[in-house]
Protein backbone atom coordinates (compact mmCIF):
# COMPACT_ATOMS: atom_id res chain seq x y z
CA MET A 1 0.00 0.00 0.00
CA PHE A 2 2.84 2.37 0.86
CA ARG A 3 4.60 1.71 -2.47
CA ARG A 4 1.36 2.32 -4.33
CA CYS A 5 0.91 5.68 -2.60
CA ILE A 6 4.50 6.67 -3.39
CA ARG A 7 4.06 5.72 -7.04
CA GLN A 8 0.84 7.72 -7.34
CA TYR A 9 2.49 10.67 -5.62
CA HIS A 10 5.38 10.77 -8.07
CA GLU A 11 3.13 10.23 -11.06
CA GLY A 12 1.30 13.43 -10.11
CA ASP A 13 4.48 15.51 -9.89
CA ILE A 14 4.92 18.20 -12.52
CA ARG A 15 8.25 17.56 -14.19
CA ILE A 16 9.88 18.47 -17.47
CA MET A 17 11.23 14.97 -18.05
CA ASN A 18 9.95 11.69 -16.68
CA LYS A 19 12.19 8.97 -15.28
CA ARG A 20 12.27 7.19 -18.64
CA GLY A 21 13.74 10.26 -20.31
CA ARG A 22 10.68 11.38 -22.25
CA LEU A 23 9.95 15.12 -22.30
CA ASN A 24 6.63 16.12 -20.78
CA LEU A 25 6.17 18.83 -23.37
CA HIS A 26 2.86 19.06 -25.20
CA LEU A 27 2.39 21.57 -28.02
CA ILE A 28 -1.05 23.07 -28.54
CA LYS A 29 -2.55 25.46 -31.08
CA ILE A 30 0.15 24.74 -33.66
CA PRO A 31 -0.53 26.61 -36.93
CA GLU A 32 -0.63 24.29 -39.95
CA LYS A 33 0.02 21.31 -37.70
CA SER A 34 -0.64 18.66 -40.36
CA ILE A 35 1.66 20.35 -42.87
CA ARG A 36 4.46 20.59 -40.31
CA TYR A 37 4.23 16.89 -39.44
CA ALA A 38 4.06 15.90 -43.10
CA SER A 39 7.08 18.03 -44.04
CA ASP A 40 9.15 16.31 -41.34
CA LEU A 41 7.88 12.82 -42.11
CA TRP A 42 10.98 10.99 -40.83
CA ASN A 43 10.76 12.30 -37.27
CA THR A 44 6.99 11.93 -37.36
CA LEU A 45 7.28 8.21 -38.12
CA VAL A 46 10.14 7.57 -35.69
CA ASN A 47 8.30 9.29 -32.83
CA MET A 48 5.02 7.57 -33.68
CA LYS A 49 3.85 4.88 -31.27
CA TRP A 50 3.97 1.28 -32.46
CA ARG A 51 0.20 0.93 -32.33
CA TRP A 52 -0.05 3.65 -34.99
CA LEU A 53 3.10 2.90 -37.00
CA LEU A 54 2.21 -0.73 -37.80
CA PRO A 55 -1.23 0.16 -39.27
CA VAL A 56 0.42 2.94 -41.30
CA ILE A 57 2.91 0.44 -42.77
CA ALA A 58 0.08 -1.96 -43.59
CA LEU A 59 -2.05 0.75 -45.21
CA VAL A 60 0.84 2.03 -47.34
CA ASN A 61 1.55 -1.48 -48.64
CA VAL A 62 -2.12 -2.18 -49.36
CA ALA A 63 -2.36 1.15 -51.19
CA ALA A 64 0.66 0.19 -53.31
CA TYR A 65 -0.92 -3.19 -54.14
CA LEU A 66 -4.12 -1.45 -55.18
CA VAL A 67 -2.37 1.16 -57.34
CA PHE A 68 -0.42 -1.43 -59.30
CA ALA A 69 -3.49 -3.63 -59.64
CA LEU A 70 -5.19 -0.67 -61.33
CA LEU A 71 -2.12 -0.04 -63.51
CA PHE A 72 -2.09 -3.64 -64.73
CA LEU A 73 -5.83 -3.41 -65.31
CA LEU A 74 -5.26 -0.25 -67.37
CA ASP A 75 -2.48 -1.93 -69.34
CA ALA A 76 -4.71 -4.92 -70.06
CA TRP A 77 -7.49 -2.61 -71.27
CA VAL A 78 -5.10 -0.60 -73.48
CA SER A 79 -3.63 -3.81 -74.89
CA GLY A 80 -7.08 -5.06 -75.86
CA ASP A 81 -7.55 -7.92 -73.40
CA PHE A 82 -11.23 -6.99 -72.99
CA ASP A 83 -12.06 -6.80 -76.73
CA ASP A 84 -12.47 -10.58 -77.24
CA GLU A 85 -10.88 -10.43 -80.68
CA PRO A 86 -10.01 -13.81 -82.26
CA GLY A 87 -6.29 -14.63 -82.15
CA HIS A 88 -5.54 -11.89 -79.62
CA ARG A 89 -2.40 -12.40 -77.53
CA MET A 90 -3.26 -11.72 -73.89
CA CYS A 91 -1.30 -8.98 -72.11
CA VAL A 92 -1.84 -10.51 -68.66
CA THR A 93 -2.63 -14.21 -68.44
CA GLY A 94 -4.85 -15.97 -65.94
CA MET A 95 -7.03 -12.97 -65.09
CA HIS A 96 -10.64 -13.59 -64.05
CA ASN A 97 -11.67 -10.58 -61.97
CA PHE A 98 -10.25 -7.62 -60.06
CA THR A 99 -8.99 -9.92 -57.30
CA SER A 100 -6.66 -11.50 -59.86
CA TYR A 101 -5.21 -8.09 -60.69
CA PHE A 102 -4.86 -7.33 -56.98
CA MET A 103 -2.90 -10.58 -56.49
CA LEU A 104 -0.69 -9.58 -59.42
CA GLY A 105 -0.03 -6.25 -57.70
CA ILE A 106 0.99 -8.07 -54.50
CA GLU A 107 3.37 -10.36 -56.41
CA THR A 108 4.91 -7.36 -58.15
CA ILE A 109 5.49 -5.23 -55.03
CA THR A 110 6.66 -8.07 -52.79
CA THR A 111 8.88 -9.52 -55.59
CA THR A 112 7.84 -13.06 -54.69
CA GLY A 113 7.88 -14.08 -58.36
CA TYR A 114 5.04 -14.50 -60.82
CA GLY A 115 3.03 -17.70 -60.86
CA TYR A 116 -0.30 -18.31 -62.55
CA PHE A 117 -0.89 -14.56 -62.97
CA HIS A 118 1.85 -12.87 -64.97
CA PRO A 119 2.27 -10.15 -67.62
CA THR A 120 3.60 -10.96 -71.08
CA GLU A 121 5.60 -9.16 -73.74
CA PHE A 122 2.38 -8.18 -75.49
CA CYS A 123 1.64 -5.46 -72.93
CA TYR A 124 2.17 -1.87 -74.01
CA LEU A 125 2.96 -0.43 -70.58
CA VAL A 126 4.43 -3.39 -68.71
CA PHE A 127 8.01 -2.10 -68.84
CA VAL A 128 7.01 1.25 -67.38
CA ILE A 129 4.89 -0.42 -64.70
CA LEU A 130 7.66 -2.82 -63.64
CA THR A 131 10.21 0.01 -63.51
CA CYS A 132 7.90 2.08 -61.32
CA SER A 133 7.24 -0.93 -59.10
CA THR A 134 10.97 -1.32 -58.48
CA MET A 135 11.26 2.30 -57.38
CA VAL A 136 8.16 2.11 -55.18
CA THR A 137 9.32 -1.14 -53.55
CA PHE A 138 12.73 0.36 -52.87
CA PHE A 139 11.16 3.43 -51.29
CA ILE A 140 8.63 1.57 -49.13
CA ASP A 141 11.02 -1.12 -47.89
CA GLY A 142 13.95 1.24 -47.37
CA ALA A 143 11.94 3.93 -45.61
CA PHE A 144 10.04 1.73 -43.21
CA MET A 145 12.98 -0.59 -42.49
CA SER A 146 15.09 2.41 -41.49
CA VAL A 147 12.25 3.74 -39.31
CA VAL A 148 11.84 0.40 -37.54
CA TYR A 149 15.61 0.09 -37.09
CA ALA A 150 15.78 3.59 -35.61
CA LYS A 151 12.96 2.81 -33.17
CA PHE A 152 14.59 -0.44 -32.06
CA GLY A 153 17.95 1.33 -31.66
CA ARG A 154 16.62 3.79 -29.11
CA VAL A 155 17.63 2.90 -25.55
CA LYS A 156 14.83 2.74 -23.01
CA TYR A 157 15.12 3.58 -19.34
CA GLN A 158 13.92 0.08 -18.48
CA HIS A 159 17.57 -1.03 -18.51
CA SER A 160 18.09 0.87 -15.21
CA LEU A 161 20.98 2.96 -16.51
CA PHE A 162 20.53 5.60 -13.81
CA SER A 163 19.98 5.25 -10.10
CA ARG A 164 16.45 5.97 -8.93
CA LYS A 165 17.64 8.58 -6.44
CA ALA A 166 20.41 11.15 -6.24
CA VAL A 167 22.29 11.85 -3.01
CA ILE A 168 24.11 14.75 -1.39
CA ASN A 169 26.92 14.02 1.04
CA LEU A 170 30.34 15.20 2.11
CA ARG A 171 33.09 14.14 -0.28
CA ASN A 172 36.68 15.30 0.39
CA GLY A 173 35.44 18.12 2.58
CA LYS A 174 32.90 19.39 0.03
CA LEU A 175 29.21 18.82 -0.32
CA CYS A 176 28.58 16.92 -3.56
CA LEU A 177 25.55 15.96 -5.60
CA ILE A 178 26.01 12.36 -6.76
CA VAL A 179 24.11 10.05 -9.11
CA ARG A 180 25.07 6.52 -10.11
CA ILE A 181 25.26 5.14 -13.66
CA ASN A 182 25.67 1.56 -14.87
CA ASP A 183 25.94 0.97 -18.62
CA SER A 184 25.84 -2.83 -18.56
CA LEU A 185 24.65 -3.02 -22.21
CA LEU A 186 27.76 -1.20 -23.54
CA LYS A 187 25.59 1.42 -25.24
CA HIS A 188 27.71 4.48 -24.37
CA TRP A 189 31.28 3.19 -24.09
CA ILE A 190 32.81 5.10 -27.03
CA ASP A 191 33.33 8.88 -26.68
CA ASN A 192 30.86 9.07 -23.81
CA THR A 193 29.94 12.35 -22.17
CA VAL A 194 27.78 12.99 -19.12
CA LYS A 195 26.08 16.33 -18.51
CA MET A 196 23.86 17.57 -15.71
CA PHE A 197 21.49 20.52 -15.77
CA MET A 198 19.43 22.19 -13.08
CA VAL A 199 16.03 23.57 -14.09
CA VAL A 200 14.48 26.03 -11.65
CA ASN A 201 12.33 29.15 -11.69
CA ARG A 202 14.40 32.29 -11.10
CA THR A 203 13.88 36.02 -10.81
CA SER A 204 16.32 38.35 -12.55
CA PRO A 205 17.76 41.45 -10.78
CA GLU A 206 15.28 43.49 -12.82
CA GLY A 207 12.39 41.55 -11.33
CA GLU A 208 11.63 39.44 -14.40
CA VAL A 209 10.47 35.90 -13.62
CA LEU A 210 12.45 33.35 -15.64
CA PRO A 211 10.49 30.07 -15.65
CA ASN A 212 12.43 26.84 -16.12
CA PHE A 213 15.81 28.57 -16.15
CA ILE A 214 18.50 26.03 -17.14
CA THR A 215 21.95 26.01 -15.55
CA GLU A 216 24.59 23.44 -16.47
CA LEU A 217 26.25 21.72 -13.51
CA GLU A 218 29.97 21.07 -13.64
CA VAL A 219 30.74 17.35 -13.52
CA GLU A 220 34.01 15.96 -12.19
CA PRO A 221 35.99 13.45 -14.31
CA TYR A 222 34.35 10.05 -13.98
CA GLY A 223 36.65 7.66 -15.85
CA MET A 224 35.43 4.65 -17.81
CA LEU A 225 32.07 2.90 -17.74
CA PHE A 226 33.46 -0.56 -16.98
CA TRP A 227 31.36 -0.84 -13.83
CA PRO A 228 28.79 1.29 -11.96
CA ILE A 229 30.29 4.73 -11.50
CA GLU A 230 29.26 7.83 -9.60
CA ILE A 231 28.74 11.11 -11.41
CA ILE A 232 29.80 13.84 -8.99
CA HIS A 233 28.94 17.52 -9.01
CA ALA A 234 31.01 19.32 -6.39
CA ILE A 235 28.95 22.13 -4.86
CA THR A 236 31.22 25.16 -5.19
CA SER A 237 30.57 28.89 -5.26
CA SER A 238 29.63 28.67 -8.95
CA SER A 239 27.05 25.95 -8.32
CA PRO A 240 23.33 26.77 -8.03
CA PHE A 241 23.32 24.47 -4.96
CA TRP A 242 25.76 26.79 -3.15
CA GLU A 243 23.11 28.43 -0.97
CA ILE A 244 20.81 25.41 -0.60
CA SER A 245 20.71 23.68 2.78
CA ALA A 246 18.97 20.48 3.81
CA LYS A 247 15.95 22.50 4.92
CA ASP A 248 15.87 24.43 1.65
CA LEU A 249 16.00 21.15 -0.28
CA MET A 250 12.78 20.01 1.40
CA ILE A 251 10.82 23.09 0.31
CA SER A 252 12.54 23.87 -3.00
CA GLN A 253 11.10 22.95 -6.37
CA PHE A 254 13.62 22.22 -9.09
CA GLU A 255 14.68 19.43 -11.40
CA VAL A 256 18.11 17.99 -12.18
CA ILE A 257 18.38 16.49 -15.68
CA THR A 258 21.17 13.98 -16.29
CA ILE A 259 22.17 13.06 -19.85
CA ILE A 260 24.69 10.47 -21.05
CA SER A 261 25.59 10.16 -24.72
CA GLY A 262 28.04 7.92 -26.53
CA SER A 263 28.40 5.22 -29.14
CA SER A 264 27.79 1.52 -28.74
CA ILE A 265 30.88 -0.67 -28.57
CA GLN A 266 28.99 -3.38 -30.48
CA THR A 267 27.28 -1.46 -33.29
CA GLY A 268 28.92 1.97 -33.21
CA GLN A 269 25.49 3.61 -33.12
CA LEU A 270 25.27 6.94 -31.31
CA THR A 271 22.99 6.68 -28.28
CA ARG A 272 21.63 9.27 -25.88
CA THR A 273 19.89 8.37 -22.62
CA GLN A 274 18.51 10.76 -20.04
CA THR A 275 16.53 11.02 -16.84
CA SER A 276 15.67 13.60 -14.21
CA TYR A 277 15.53 13.99 -10.45
CA LEU A 278 13.07 16.20 -8.63
CA SER A 279 14.08 17.89 -5.39
CA GLU A 280 12.27 15.22 -3.34
CA GLU A 281 14.25 12.54 -5.21
CA ILE A 282 17.55 13.92 -3.88
CA LEU A 283 18.52 12.45 -0.51
CA TRP A 284 20.52 14.75 1.77
CA GLY A 285 22.99 12.96 4.03
CA TYR A 286 23.03 9.66 2.16
CA ARG A 287 25.52 7.83 -0.02
CA PHE A 288 25.33 4.84 -2.34
CA CYS A 289 26.30 1.43 -1.04
CA PRO A 290 29.15 -0.37 -2.85
CA CYS A 291 27.82 -2.73 -5.51
CA LEU A 292 31.12 -3.98 -6.99
CA GLU A 293 32.34 -7.14 -5.29
CA ASP A 294 35.38 -9.39 -5.65
CA ASN A 295 34.85 -12.87 -7.07
CA THR A 296 37.74 -15.26 -6.48
CA ILE A 297 36.03 -18.07 -8.38
CA LYS A 298 35.88 -16.07 -11.61
CA SER A 299 39.09 -14.18 -10.80
CA GLY A 300 37.31 -10.90 -11.37
CA TYR A 301 34.51 -8.71 -10.14
CA ILE A 302 30.73 -8.98 -10.06
CA VAL A 303 28.10 -6.25 -9.91
CA ASN A 304 25.42 -6.74 -7.28
CA ARG A 305 22.34 -5.22 -8.89
CA LYS A 306 20.42 -5.35 -5.63
CA SER A 307 22.85 -2.80 -4.18
CA PHE A 308 22.84 -0.49 -7.21
CA ASN A 309 20.07 1.75 -5.81
CA ALA A 310 20.78 1.03 -2.15
CA THR A 311 21.69 4.04 0.01
CA VAL A 312 22.78 4.48 3.61
CA SER A 313 22.78 7.57 5.79
CA VAL A 314 26.10 9.21 6.65
CA GLU A 315 27.07 12.14 8.82
CA THR A 316 26.55 15.22 6.69
CA PRO A 317 26.23 18.89 7.70
CA LEU A 318 22.70 20.20 7.28
CA CYS A 319 23.86 23.70 6.39
CA SER A 320 24.47 24.94 2.86
CA ALA A 321 27.82 24.60 1.12
CA SER A 322 28.48 28.33 1.50
CA VAL A 323 27.96 28.21 5.27
CA LEU A 324 30.08 25.06 5.50
CA ALA A 325 32.93 26.72 3.62
CA LYS A 326 32.88 29.68 6.03
CA LEU A 327 32.91 27.38 9.07
CA GLN A 328 35.77 25.32 7.68
CA LYS A 329 37.73 28.48 6.98
CA GLU A 330 37.13 29.85 10.48
CA ILE A 331 38.04 26.72 12.42
CA GLY A 332 40.58 25.39 9.93
CA VAL A 333 39.06 21.92 9.46
CA PRO A 334 41.08 19.90 6.92
CA ASN A 335 39.39 17.96 4.14
CA ARG A 336 38.62 14.39 5.05
CA ARG A 337 37.11 11.45 3.25
CA ASN A 338 33.94 9.67 4.24
CA SER A 339 34.50 6.21 5.62
CA LEU A 340 32.43 3.28 4.40
CA ASP A 341 29.46 2.33 6.50
CA ASP A 342 28.87 -1.23 7.58
CA ASN A 343 25.11 -0.76 7.20
CA CYS A 344 25.44 -1.43 3.46
CA SER A 345 26.23 -5.07 4.03
């Protein structure tokens, strides 16, 4: 019951991007909407849901079958197949009704080879029709195969690339915002980059309200994606988190968008995956539990997926990073590292 309430609570949150990386942006009152979608047909088809794309593919193919059935019917009429003249050489053999011509159109477009129904050299327009059928088949198959390939190539959030929560804790004497990433499918191993952005409503010095103001967060070097890694944003004076304390985090409304892009080590295809964290999805005073374990049997390491999203509380100042920096400067506290907590085991 508690999990159900939490799920319903988060589903009602207003956010720019959902956890699966899809933008919650809906355009209304678009002038010439149909023309705009038709002019950018590629993106329209790629972004179309499967339940609409599959009927579109079927309708386009059926329309092509029908068009070429009519063309063969026209060729047969021009060639005199309907005149019943004695000694006439039939343009298209085996025809009985329109269904026969429709079957001929299917055989032509699908290139399965002619059987009982087939055109002959006595047709006037057969060479033009067959040439056009080759071009139409190439267009239909090439276009829709590339669309389907592009849709299958898109990475979904269901692979749990990002941690469900982000954490803020003390790292080397500084408060840091940390998220965890695990690219187990090798989708972003080549030339990978990770970026983080904070989206929040701000007011300019002139009093202008700037809704959804985007600020890029500086990310520390994170190394390779061999195993689950932590993406760290050190909260410094240039960070928008500089003045935010634990109390402010509870009442603030903002969104942190995390984006990873790179090429697949298996296919070389460029992939981009993203997610977001609302302010209530950022845990102050927590850190991620270790999920990389030694394995002497395999002489290597294993990743414990159960611990990927696990967090444990650690001692963390509740004040903002700016106040913490002043206190450290006044009392001269040296930087120190957080020790691992046994509660993760």
